[in-house]
Amino acid sequence: MSLFLYAVAAVVAYLFGSIPSGYVLARLRGKNILNQGSKKSGATNVLRTLGWKAAAPVFASDFVKGMLAVVAARLISGGDPTADVVAGLAVLLGHNYSVFIRFRGGRGVTTGLGAMAVISPIAMLITTAIGALIVARTRYVSLGSVVGAGMIPFSLLALVIAAGQPVPHLLFGLLGSAFVIASHRDNINRLIHGTERKLGERARP
Protein backbone atom coordinates (compact mmCIF):
# COMPACT_ATOMS: atom_id res chain seq x y z
CA MET A 1 0.00 0.00 0.00
CA SER A 2 1.30 3.47 -0.88
CA LEU A 3 2.23 6.16 1.62
CA PHE A 4 -0.48 8.32 0.06
CA LEU A 5 -3.19 5.83 0.98
CA TYR A 6 -1.78 5.48 4.51
CA ALA A 7 -1.99 9.27 4.79
CA VAL A 8 -5.58 9.24 3.53
CA ALA A 9 -6.50 6.56 6.07
CA ALA A 10 -4.84 8.60 8.84
CA VAL A 11 -6.64 11.82 7.94
CA VAL A 12 -10.03 10.09 7.66
CA ALA A 13 -9.50 8.36 11.01
CA TYR A 14 -8.34 11.56 12.69
CA LEU A 15 -11.46 13.37 11.51
CA PHE A 16 -13.68 10.55 12.78
CA GLY A 17 -11.91 10.76 16.13
CA SER A 18 -12.25 14.53 16.23
CA ILE A 19 -16.06 14.40 16.26
CA PRO A 20 -16.61 15.89 19.77
CA SER A 21 -19.64 13.87 20.84
CA GLY A 22 -19.48 14.73 24.52
CA TYR A 23 -18.87 18.41 23.89
CA VAL A 24 -21.82 18.68 21.46
CA LEU A 25 -24.25 16.84 23.72
CA ALA A 26 -23.24 18.89 26.75
CA ARG A 27 -23.66 22.09 24.76
CA LEU A 28 -27.17 20.99 23.81
CA ARG A 29 -27.84 20.76 27.55
CA GLY A 30 -26.40 24.17 28.25
CA LYS A 31 -23.01 23.03 29.60
CA ASN A 32 -19.48 23.41 28.35
CA ILE A 33 -18.01 20.04 29.31
CA LEU A 34 -14.51 21.43 28.81
CA ASN A 35 -15.07 23.64 31.85
CA GLN A 36 -16.62 20.91 34.02
CA GLY A 37 -15.07 18.22 36.22
CA SER A 38 -11.94 16.81 34.60
CA LYS A 39 -12.46 19.20 31.66
CA LYS A 40 -12.42 16.23 29.30
CA SER A 41 -15.07 15.55 26.65
CA GLY A 42 -15.32 11.79 27.14
CA ALA A 43 -18.17 9.71 28.50
CA THR A 44 -16.81 9.47 32.06
CA ASN A 45 -16.77 13.23 32.56
CA VAL A 46 -20.18 13.53 30.93
CA LEU A 47 -21.45 10.86 33.35
CA ARG A 48 -20.12 12.75 36.35
CA THR A 49 -21.38 16.08 35.08
CA LEU A 50 -24.71 15.30 33.40
CA GLY A 51 -25.61 11.75 34.43
CA TRP A 52 -25.92 8.41 32.66
CA LYS A 53 -28.68 9.47 30.25
CA ALA A 54 -26.25 11.90 28.67
CA ALA A 55 -23.21 9.64 29.03
CA ALA A 56 -24.75 6.61 27.28
CA PRO A 57 -25.05 8.19 23.81
CA VAL A 58 -21.61 9.76 24.18
CA PHE A 59 -20.14 6.35 25.00
CA ALA A 60 -21.90 4.80 22.00
CA SER A 61 -20.78 7.58 19.66
CA ASP A 62 -17.17 7.47 20.80
CA PHE A 63 -17.11 3.68 20.44
CA VAL A 64 -18.63 3.73 16.96
CA LYS A 65 -16.26 6.39 15.64
CA GLY A 66 -13.34 4.17 16.69
CA MET A 67 -14.86 1.30 14.78
CA LEU A 68 -15.65 3.38 11.70
CA ALA A 69 -12.10 4.74 11.51
CA VAL A 70 -10.63 1.24 11.22
CA VAL A 71 -13.36 0.02 8.86
CA ALA A 72 -12.69 3.01 6.61
CA ALA A 73 -8.96 2.24 6.64
CA ARG A 74 -9.66 -1.34 5.59
CA LEU A 75 -11.80 -0.15 2.71
CA ILE A 76 -9.10 2.30 1.63
CA SER A 77 -6.26 -0.21 1.97
CA GLY A 78 -7.95 -3.41 0.86
CA GLY A 79 -7.41 -4.97 4.27
CA ASP A 80 -3.79 -4.04 5.01
CA PRO A 81 -3.25 -4.65 8.77
CA THR A 82 -0.74 -1.79 8.93
CA ALA A 83 -3.54 0.55 7.84
CA ASP A 84 -5.51 -0.71 10.86
CA VAL A 85 -2.66 0.47 13.08
CA VAL A 86 -2.44 3.85 11.36
CA ALA A 87 -6.19 4.39 11.68
CA GLY A 88 -6.33 3.19 15.27
CA LEU A 89 -3.63 5.60 16.37
CA ALA A 90 -5.05 8.47 14.31
CA VAL A 91 -8.56 8.08 15.71
CA LEU A 92 -7.14 8.17 19.25
CA LEU A 93 -5.21 11.30 18.39
CA GLY A 94 -8.36 12.91 16.98
CA HIS A 95 -10.44 12.03 20.01
CA ASN A 96 -7.91 13.38 22.49
CA TYR A 97 -6.90 16.41 20.40
CA SER A 98 -9.93 17.33 18.34
CA VAL A 99 -9.44 19.96 15.66
CA PHE A 100 -13.03 21.04 16.24
CA ILE A 101 -12.58 22.02 19.90
CA ARG A 102 -9.15 23.64 19.82
CA PHE A 103 -7.24 20.36 20.15
CA ARG A 104 -8.86 19.29 23.37
CA GLY A 105 -10.87 16.13 23.97
CA GLY A 106 -11.08 12.96 26.01
CA ARG A 107 -8.68 10.23 27.13
CA GLY A 108 -9.24 7.74 24.32
CA VAL A 109 -10.54 4.74 26.25
CA THR A 110 -13.92 4.26 24.57
CA THR A 111 -12.70 5.25 21.12
CA GLY A 112 -9.76 2.89 21.52
CA LEU A 113 -12.14 0.08 22.44
CA GLY A 114 -14.11 0.80 19.29
CA ALA A 115 -10.96 0.54 17.19
CA MET A 116 -10.01 -2.67 19.01
CA ALA A 117 -13.46 -4.13 18.32
CA VAL A 118 -12.50 -4.19 14.63
CA ILE A 119 -8.77 -4.88 14.97
CA SER A 120 -9.17 -7.73 17.47
CA PRO A 121 -12.60 -8.38 19.02
CA ILE A 122 -11.16 -11.08 21.31
CA ALA A 123 -8.47 -8.79 22.74
CA MET A 124 -11.08 -6.06 23.16
CA LEU A 125 -13.37 -8.38 25.13
CA ILE A 126 -10.52 -9.63 27.33
CA THR A 127 -9.28 -6.18 28.23
CA THR A 128 -12.80 -4.81 28.70
CA ALA A 129 -13.63 -7.64 31.09
CA ILE A 130 -10.47 -7.00 33.11
CA GLY A 131 -11.09 -3.26 33.23
CA ALA A 132 -14.75 -3.70 34.16
CA LEU A 133 -13.85 -6.11 36.96
CA ILE A 134 -11.42 -3.60 38.43
CA VAL A 135 -13.99 -0.81 38.22
CA ALA A 136 -16.60 -3.03 39.88
CA ARG A 137 -14.22 -3.91 42.72
CA THR A 138 -12.66 -0.48 43.30
CA ARG A 139 -15.15 1.96 41.72
CA TYR A 140 -12.21 3.76 40.11
CA VAL A 141 -12.95 4.13 36.40
CA SER A 142 -9.47 5.49 35.76
CA LEU A 143 -7.78 2.50 37.40
CA GLY A 144 -9.84 0.09 35.31
CA SER A 145 -9.02 2.08 32.19
CA VAL A 146 -5.29 2.17 32.84
CA VAL A 147 -5.01 -1.51 33.74
CA GLY A 148 -7.25 -2.52 30.84
CA ALA A 149 -5.13 -0.48 28.43
CA GLY A 150 -1.99 -2.01 29.87
CA MET A 151 -3.32 -5.51 29.16
CA ILE A 152 -3.93 -4.86 25.46
CA PRO A 153 -0.34 -5.57 24.28
CA PHE A 154 -0.26 -8.84 26.23
CA SER A 155 -3.63 -9.93 24.86
CA LEU A 156 -2.57 -9.14 21.30
CA LEU A 157 0.80 -10.86 21.75
CA ALA A 158 -0.97 -14.02 22.92
CA LEU A 159 -3.27 -13.85 19.89
CA VAL A 160 -0.33 -13.26 17.51
CA ILE A 161 1.36 -16.39 18.86
CA ALA A 162 -1.68 -18.63 19.31
CA ALA A 163 -4.23 -17.48 16.77
CA GLY A 164 -2.40 -15.86 13.87
CA GLN A 165 -3.34 -12.28 14.70
CA PRO A 166 -1.43 -10.02 12.26
CA VAL A 167 1.89 -8.96 13.79
CA PRO A 168 1.41 -5.24 12.92
CA HIS A 169 -1.60 -5.17 15.24
CA LEU A 170 0.79 -5.64 18.14
CA LEU A 171 2.21 -2.20 17.35
CA PHE A 172 -1.22 -0.68 17.87
CA GLY A 173 -1.43 -2.49 21.19
CA LEU A 174 1.90 -1.07 22.31
CA LEU A 175 1.52 2.50 21.06
CA GLY A 176 -2.23 2.83 21.59
CA SER A 177 -2.12 1.57 25.16
CA ALA A 178 0.84 3.83 25.96
CA PHE A 179 -1.07 6.79 24.53
CA VAL A 180 -4.18 6.03 26.61
CA ILE A 181 -2.18 5.46 29.80
CA ALA A 182 -0.27 8.71 29.25
CA SER A 183 -3.58 10.55 28.91
CA HIS A 184 -4.40 9.42 32.46
CA ARG A 185 -1.35 11.04 34.05
CA ASP A 186 -3.44 13.28 36.29
CA ASN A 187 -5.68 10.37 37.32
CA ILE A 188 -2.66 8.25 38.19
CA ASN A 189 -1.31 11.07 40.35
CA ARG A 190 -4.66 11.35 42.16
CA LEU A 191 -4.84 7.57 42.63
CA ILE A 192 -1.40 7.62 44.23
CA HIS A 193 -2.44 10.43 46.60
CA GLY A 194 -5.90 9.01 47.34
CA THR A 195 -7.83 11.94 45.87
CA GLU A 196 -9.27 10.31 42.75
CA ARG A 197 -13.07 10.43 42.38
CA LYS A 198 -14.91 7.11 42.41
CA LEU A 199 -17.68 6.02 40.07
CA GLY A 200 -20.92 7.70 41.09
CA GLU A 201 -19.30 10.80 42.56
CA ARG A 202 -20.52 13.92 40.80
CA ALA A 203 -17.94 16.25 39.34
CA ARG A 204 -17.53 19.72 40.76
CA PRO A 205 -17.56 22.60 38.24
C-alpha atoms as a PDB file:
ATOM      1  CA  MET A   1       0.000   0.000   0.000  1.00  0.00           C
ATOM      2  CA  SER A   2       1.298   3.475  -0.884  1.00  0.00           C
ATOM      3  CA  LEU A   3       2.227   6.158   1.621  1.00  0.00           C
ATOM      4  CA  PHE A   4      -0.481   8.317   0.059  1.00  0.00           C
ATOM      5  CA  LEU A   5      -3.192   5.825   0.983  1.00  0.00           C
ATOM      6  CA  TYR A   6      -1.783   5.481   4.509  1.00  0.00           C
ATOM      7  CA  ALA A   7      -1.995   9.272   4.788  1.00  0.00           C
ATOM      8  CA  VAL A   8      -5.584   9.243   3.529  1.00  0.00           C
ATOM      9  CA  ALA A   9      -6.497   6.562   6.066  1.00  0.00           C
ATOM     10  CA  ALA A  10      -4.836   8.597   8.840  1.00  0.00           C
ATOM     11  CA  VAL A  11      -6.639  11.821   7.941  1.00  0.00           C
ATOM     12  CA  VAL A  12     -10.031  10.088   7.665  1.00  0.00           C
ATOM     13  CA  ALA A  13      -9.497   8.357  11.010  1.00  0.00           C
ATOM     14  CA  TYR A  14      -8.340  11.562  12.694  1.00  0.00           C
ATOM     15  CA  LEU A  15     -11.464  13.375  11.508  1.00  0.00           C
ATOM     16  CA  PHE A  16     -13.677  10.554  12.778  1.00  0.00           C
ATOM     17  CA  GLY A  17     -11.910  10.763  16.131  1.00  0.00           C
ATOM     18  CA  SER A  18     -12.252  14.533  16.226  1.00  0.00           C
ATOM     19  CA  ILE A  19     -16.058  14.400  16.263  1.00  0.00           C
ATOM     20  CA  PRO A  20     -16.608  15.886  19.765  1.00  0.00           C
ATOM     21  CA  SER A  21     -19.644  13.873  20.838  1.00  0.00           C
ATOM     22  CA  GLY A  22     -19.475  14.734  24.517  1.00  0.00           C
ATOM     23  CA  TYR A  23     -18.873  18.412  23.886  1.00  0.00           C
ATOM     24  CA  VAL A  24     -21.817  18.680  21.463  1.00  0.00           C
ATOM     25  CA  LEU A  25     -24.248  16.838  23.721  1.00  0.00           C
ATOM     26  CA  ALA A  26     -23.235  18.889  26.753  1.00  0.00           C
ATOM     27  CA  ARG A  27     -23.665  22.094  24.756  1.00  0.00           C
ATOM     28  CA  LEU A  28     -27.171  20.991  23.813  1.00  0.00           C
ATOM     29  CA  ARG A  29     -27.838  20.757  27.554  1.00  0.00           C
ATOM     30  CA  GLY A  30     -26.399  24.172  28.253  1.00  0.00           C
ATOM     31  CA  LYS A  31     -23.008  23.025  29.601  1.00  0.00           C
ATOM     32  CA  ASN A  32     -19.478  23.414  28.354  1.00  0.00           C
ATOM     33  CA  ILE A  33     -18.010  20.042  29.309  1.00  0.00           C
ATOM     34  CA  LEU A  34     -14.513  21.430  28.813  1.00  0.00           C
ATOM     35  CA  ASN A  35     -15.071  23.636  31.849  1.00  0.00           C
ATOM     36  CA  GLN A  36     -16.616  20.911  34.022  1.00  0.00           C
ATOM     37  CA  GLY A  37     -15.075  18.222  36.218  1.00  0.00           C
ATOM     38  CA  SER A  38     -11.938  16.812  34.604  1.00  0.00           C
ATOM     39  CA  LYS A  39     -12.464  19.196  31.662  1.00  0.00           C
ATOM     40  CA  LYS A  40     -12.415  16.227  29.296  1.00  0.00           C
ATOM     41  CA  SER A  41     -15.065  15.552  26.653  1.00  0.00           C
ATOM     42  CA  GLY A  42     -15.324  11.792  27.142  1.00  0.00           C
ATOM     43  CA  ALA A  43     -18.173   9.711  28.497  1.00  0.00           C
ATOM     44  CA  THR A  44     -16.811   9.474  32.059  1.00  0.00           C
ATOM     45  CA  ASN A  45     -16.766  13.233  32.560  1.00  0.00           C
ATOM     46  CA  VAL A  46     -20.183  13.528  30.926  1.00  0.00           C
ATOM     47  CA  LEU A  47     -21.449  10.862  33.351  1.00  0.00           C
ATOM     48  CA  ARG A  48     -20.118  12.746  36.353  1.00  0.00           C
ATOM     49  CA  THR A  49     -21.384  16.078  35.077  1.00  0.00           C
ATOM     50  CA  LEU A  50     -24.713  15.302  33.397  1.00  0.00           C
ATOM     51  CA  GLY A  51     -25.606  11.747  34.435  1.00  0.00           C
ATOM     52  CA  TRP A  52     -25.916   8.414  32.656  1.00  0.00           C
ATOM     53  CA  LYS A  53     -28.677   9.469  30.250  1.00  0.00           C
ATOM     54  CA  ALA A  54     -26.252  11.905  28.675  1.00  0.00           C
ATOM     55  CA  ALA A  55     -23.209   9.637  29.028  1.00  0.00           C
ATOM     56  CA  ALA A  56     -24.751   6.613  27.281  1.00  0.00           C
ATOM     57  CA  PRO A  57     -25.055   8.191  23.807  1.00  0.00           C
ATOM     58  CA  VAL A  58     -21.611   9.760  24.180  1.00  0.00           C
ATOM     59  CA  PHE A  59     -20.137   6.346  24.996  1.00  0.00           C
ATOM     60  CA  ALA A  60     -21.901   4.799  22.002  1.00  0.00           C
ATOM     61  CA  SER A  61     -20.782   7.575  19.655  1.00  0.00           C
ATOM     62  CA  ASP A  62     -17.174   7.474  20.804  1.00  0.00           C
ATOM     63  CA  PHE A  63     -17.105   3.678  20.443  1.00  0.00           C
ATOM     64  CA  VAL A  64     -18.635   3.733  16.961  1.00  0.00           C
ATOM     65  CA  LYS A  65     -16.261   6.389  15.643  1.00  0.00           C
ATOM     66  CA  GLY A  66     -13.338   4.174  16.685  1.00  0.00           C
ATOM     67  CA  MET A  67     -14.864   1.296  14.776  1.00  0.00           C
ATOM     68  CA  LEU A  68     -15.647   3.380  11.697  1.00  0.00           C
ATOM     69  CA  ALA A  69     -12.101   4.740  11.513  1.00  0.00           C
ATOM     70  CA  VAL A  70     -10.626   1.244  11.216  1.00  0.00           C
ATOM     71  CA  VAL A  71     -13.362   0.022   8.864  1.00  0.00           C
ATOM     72  CA  ALA A  72     -12.691   3.010   6.607  1.00  0.00           C
ATOM     73  CA  ALA A  73      -8.962   2.244   6.642  1.00  0.00           C
ATOM     74  CA  ARG A  74      -9.660  -1.337   5.589  1.00  0.00           C
ATOM     75  CA  LEU A  75     -11.799  -0.145   2.705  1.00  0.00           C
ATOM     76  CA  ILE A  76      -9.101   2.303   1.628  1.00  0.00           C
ATOM     77  CA  SER A  77      -6.263  -0.213   1.969  1.00  0.00           C
ATOM     78  CA  GLY A  78      -7.954  -3.406   0.861  1.00  0.00           C
ATOM     79  CA  GLY A  79      -7.410  -4.966   4.271  1.00  0.00           C
ATOM     80  CA  ASP A  80      -3.789  -4.035   5.009  1.00  0.00           C
ATOM     81  CA  PRO A  81      -3.245  -4.646   8.769  1.00  0.00           C
ATOM     82  CA  THR A  82      -0.740  -1.791   8.927  1.00  0.00           C
ATOM     83  CA  ALA A  83      -3.542   0.547   7.844  1.00  0.00           C
ATOM     84  CA  ASP A  84      -5.511  -0.708  10.863  1.00  0.00           C
ATOM     85  CA  VAL A  85      -2.661   0.465  13.080  1.00  0.00           C
ATOM     86  CA  VAL A  86      -2.443   3.848  11.358  1.00  0.00           C
ATOM     87  CA  ALA A  87      -6.190   4.392  11.677  1.00  0.00           C
ATOM     88  CA  GLY A  88      -6.327   3.186  15.272  1.00  0.00           C
ATOM     89  CA  LEU A  89      -3.628   5.600  16.369  1.00  0.00           C
ATOM     90  CA  ALA A  90      -5.047   8.469  14.309  1.00  0.00           C
ATOM     91  CA  VAL A  91      -8.563   8.077  15.709  1.00  0.00           C
ATOM     92  CA  LEU A  92      -7.138   8.167  19.247  1.00  0.00           C
ATOM     93  CA  LEU A  93      -5.214  11.302  18.393  1.00  0.00           C
ATOM     94  CA  GLY A  94      -8.359  12.910  16.976  1.00  0.00           C
ATOM     95  CA  HIS A  95     -10.437  12.027  20.013  1.00  0.00           C
ATOM     96  CA  ASN A  96      -7.915  13.385  22.489  1.00  0.00           C
ATOM     97  CA  TYR A  97      -6.900  16.407  20.404  1.00  0.00           C
ATOM     98  CA  SER A  98      -9.928  17.334  18.336  1.00  0.00           C
ATOM     99  CA  VAL A  99      -9.437  19.955  15.656  1.00  0.00           C
ATOM    100  CA  PHE A 100     -13.034  21.038  16.240  1.00  0.00           C
ATOM    101  CA  ILE A 101     -12.581  22.025  19.899  1.00  0.00           C
ATOM    102  CA  ARG A 102      -9.149  23.638  19.822  1.00  0.00           C
ATOM    103  CA  PHE A 103      -7.245  20.364  20.145  1.00  0.00           C
ATOM    104  CA  ARG A 104      -8.864  19.292  23.374  1.00  0.00           C
ATOM    105  CA  GLY A 105     -10.869  16.128  23.970  1.00  0.00           C
ATOM    106  CA  GLY A 106     -11.078  12.959  26.013  1.00  0.00           C
ATOM    107  CA  ARG A 107      -8.685  10.232  27.127  1.00  0.00           C
ATOM    108  CA  GLY A 108      -9.242   7.742  24.317  1.00  0.00           C
ATOM    109  CA  VAL A 109     -10.544   4.742  26.250  1.00  0.00           C
ATOM    110  CA  THR A 110     -13.920   4.256  24.574  1.00  0.00           C
ATOM    111  CA  THR A 111     -12.699   5.252  21.123  1.00  0.00           C
ATOM    112  CA  GLY A 112      -9.756   2.889  21.523  1.00  0.00           C
ATOM    113  CA  LEU A 113     -12.138   0.084  22.436  1.00  0.00           C
ATOM    114  CA  GLY A 114     -14.112   0.803  19.289  1.00  0.00           C
ATOM    115  CA  ALA A 115     -10.961   0.535  17.187  1.00  0.00           C
ATOM    116  CA  MET A 116     -10.013  -2.671  19.009  1.00  0.00           C
ATOM    117  CA  ALA A 117     -13.458  -4.130  18.317  1.00  0.00           C
ATOM    118  CA  VAL A 118     -12.499  -4.186  14.626  1.00  0.00           C
ATOM    119  CA  ILE A 119      -8.772  -4.877  14.967  1.00  0.00           C
ATOM    120  CA  SER A 120      -9.173  -7.728  17.471  1.00  0.00           C
ATOM    121  CA  PRO A 121     -12.596  -8.383  19.021  1.00  0.00           C
ATOM    122  CA  ILE A 122     -11.161 -11.076  21.312  1.00  0.00           C
ATOM    123  CA  ALA A 123      -8.468  -8.786  22.736  1.00  0.00           C
ATOM    124  CA  MET A 124     -11.076  -6.056  23.160  1.00  0.00           C
ATOM    125  CA  LEU A 125     -13.369  -8.375  25.127  1.00  0.00           C
ATOM    126  CA  ILE A 126     -10.523  -9.631  27.325  1.00  0.00           C
ATOM    127  CA  THR A 127      -9.276  -6.177  28.232  1.00  0.00           C
ATOM    128  CA  THR A 128     -12.801  -4.810  28.695  1.00  0.00           C
ATOM    129  CA  ALA A 129     -13.630  -7.642  31.092  1.00  0.00           C
ATOM    130  CA  ILE A 130     -10.471  -7.003  33.111  1.00  0.00           C
ATOM    131  CA  GLY A 131     -11.088  -3.260  33.229  1.00  0.00           C
ATOM    132  CA  ALA A 132     -14.747  -3.698  34.157  1.00  0.00           C
ATOM    133  CA  LEU A 133     -13.846  -6.107  36.961  1.00  0.00           C
ATOM    134  CA  ILE A 134     -11.417  -3.604  38.433  1.00  0.00           C
ATOM    135  CA  VAL A 135     -13.987  -0.808  38.219  1.00  0.00           C
ATOM    136  CA  ALA A 136     -16.597  -3.033  39.880  1.00  0.00           C
ATOM    137  CA  ARG A 137     -14.217  -3.909  42.720  1.00  0.00           C
ATOM    138  CA  THR A 138     -12.656  -0.478  43.304  1.00  0.00           C
ATOM    139  CA  ARG A 139     -15.149   1.964  41.722  1.00  0.00           C
ATOM    140  CA  TYR A 140     -12.211   3.765  40.108  1.00  0.00           C
ATOM    141  CA  VAL A 141     -12.947   4.128  36.398  1.00  0.00           C
ATOM    142  CA  SER A 142      -9.469   5.492  35.758  1.00  0.00           C
ATOM    143  CA  LEU A 143      -7.781   2.497  37.397  1.00  0.00           C
ATOM    144  CA  GLY A 144      -9.836   0.088  35.314  1.00  0.00           C
ATOM    145  CA  SER A 145      -9.022   2.085  32.187  1.00  0.00           C
ATOM    146  CA  VAL A 146      -5.288   2.166  32.845  1.00  0.00           C
ATOM    147  CA  VAL A 147      -5.012  -1.513  33.741  1.00  0.00           C
ATOM    148  CA  GLY A 148      -7.247  -2.521  30.836  1.00  0.00           C
ATOM    149  CA  ALA A 149      -5.133  -0.481  28.429  1.00  0.00           C
ATOM    150  CA  GLY A 150      -1.988  -2.012  29.872  1.00  0.00           C
ATOM    151  CA  MET A 151      -3.321  -5.508  29.162  1.00  0.00           C
ATOM    152  CA  ILE A 152      -3.927  -4.864  25.458  1.00  0.00           C
ATOM    153  CA  PRO A 153      -0.342  -5.575  24.278  1.00  0.00           C
ATOM    154  CA  PHE A 154      -0.260  -8.838  26.231  1.00  0.00           C
ATOM    155  CA  SER A 155      -3.631  -9.931  24.859  1.00  0.00           C
ATOM    156  CA  LEU A 156      -2.566  -9.135  21.303  1.00  0.00           C
ATOM    157  CA  LEU A 157       0.795 -10.863  21.751  1.00  0.00           C
ATOM    158  CA  ALA A 158      -0.970 -14.018  22.917  1.00  0.00           C
ATOM    159  CA  LEU A 159      -3.266 -13.851  19.892  1.00  0.00           C
ATOM    160  CA  VAL A 160      -0.333 -13.259  17.515  1.00  0.00           C
ATOM    161  CA  ILE A 161       1.361 -16.388  18.864  1.00  0.00           C
ATOM    162  CA  ALA A 162      -1.675 -18.632  19.308  1.00  0.00           C
ATOM    163  CA  ALA A 163      -4.233 -17.484  16.765  1.00  0.00           C
ATOM    164  CA  GLY A 164      -2.403 -15.864  13.868  1.00  0.00           C
ATOM    165  CA  GLN A 165      -3.342 -12.282  14.704  1.00  0.00           C
ATOM    166  CA  PRO A 166      -1.426 -10.025  12.261  1.00  0.00           C
ATOM    167  CA  VAL A 167       1.892  -8.962  13.787  1.00  0.00           C
ATOM    168  CA  PRO A 168       1.410  -5.235  12.915  1.00  0.00           C
ATOM    169  CA  HIS A 169      -1.595  -5.174  15.238  1.00  0.00           C
ATOM    170  CA  LEU A 170       0.788  -5.642  18.144  1.00  0.00           C
ATOM    171  CA  LEU A 171       2.205  -2.199  17.349  1.00  0.00           C
ATOM    172  CA  PHE A 172      -1.222  -0.681  17.871  1.00  0.00           C
ATOM    173  CA  GLY A 173      -1.430  -2.492  21.186  1.00  0.00           C
ATOM    174  CA  LEU A 174       1.897  -1.069  22.306  1.00  0.00           C
ATOM    175  CA  LEU A 175       1.522   2.496  21.063  1.00  0.00           C
ATOM    176  CA  GLY A 176      -2.227   2.826  21.588  1.00  0.00           C
ATOM    177  CA  SER A 177      -2.116   1.571  25.159  1.00  0.00           C
ATOM    178  CA  ALA A 178       0.844   3.829  25.964  1.00  0.00           C
ATOM    179  CA  PHE A 179      -1.073   6.791  24.531  1.00  0.00           C
ATOM    180  CA  VAL A 180      -4.178   6.029  26.614  1.00  0.00           C
ATOM    181  CA  ILE A 181      -2.178   5.460  29.796  1.00  0.00           C
ATOM    182  CA  ALA A 182      -0.273   8.709  29.251  1.00  0.00           C
ATOM    183  CA  SER A 183      -3.581  10.550  28.908  1.00  0.00           C
ATOM    184  CA  HIS A 184      -4.404   9.419  32.461  1.00  0.00           C
ATOM    185  CA  ARG A 185      -1.350  11.036  34.049  1.00  0.00           C
ATOM    186  CA  ASP A 186      -3.441  13.276  36.292  1.00  0.00           C
ATOM    187  CA  ASN A 187      -5.676  10.368  37.316  1.00  0.00           C
ATOM    188  CA  ILE A 188      -2.660   8.250  38.185  1.00  0.00           C
ATOM    189  CA  ASN A 189      -1.311  11.066  40.346  1.00  0.00           C
ATOM    190  CA  ARG A 190      -4.660  11.348  42.164  1.00  0.00           C
ATOM    191  CA  LEU A 191      -4.843   7.570  42.629  1.00  0.00           C
ATOM    192  CA  ILE A 192      -1.399   7.619  44.232  1.00  0.00           C
ATOM    193  CA  HIS A 193      -2.442  10.433  46.596  1.00  0.00           C
ATOM    194  CA  GLY A 194      -5.903   9.009  47.340  1.00  0.00           C
ATOM    195  CA  THR A 195      -7.831  11.940  45.871  1.00  0.00           C
ATOM    196  CA  GLU A 196      -9.267  10.311  42.746  1.00  0.00           C
ATOM    197  CA  ARG A 197     -13.073  10.434  42.381  1.00  0.00           C
ATOM    198  CA  LYS A 198     -14.906   7.108  42.408  1.00  0.00           C
ATOM    199  CA  LEU A 199     -17.680   6.020  40.069  1.00  0.00           C
ATOM    200  CA  GLY A 200     -20.923   7.702  41.086  1.00  0.00           C
ATOM    201  CA  GLU A 201     -19.301  10.804  42.555  1.00  0.00           C
ATOM    202  CA  ARG A 202     -20.520  13.925  40.797  1.00  0.00           C
ATOM    203  CA  ALA A 203     -17.939  16.252  39.341  1.00  0.00           C
ATOM    204  CA  ARG A 204     -17.535  19.716  40.760  1.00  0.00           C
ATOM    205  CA  PRO A 205     -17.556  22.597  38.245  1.00  0.00           C
END
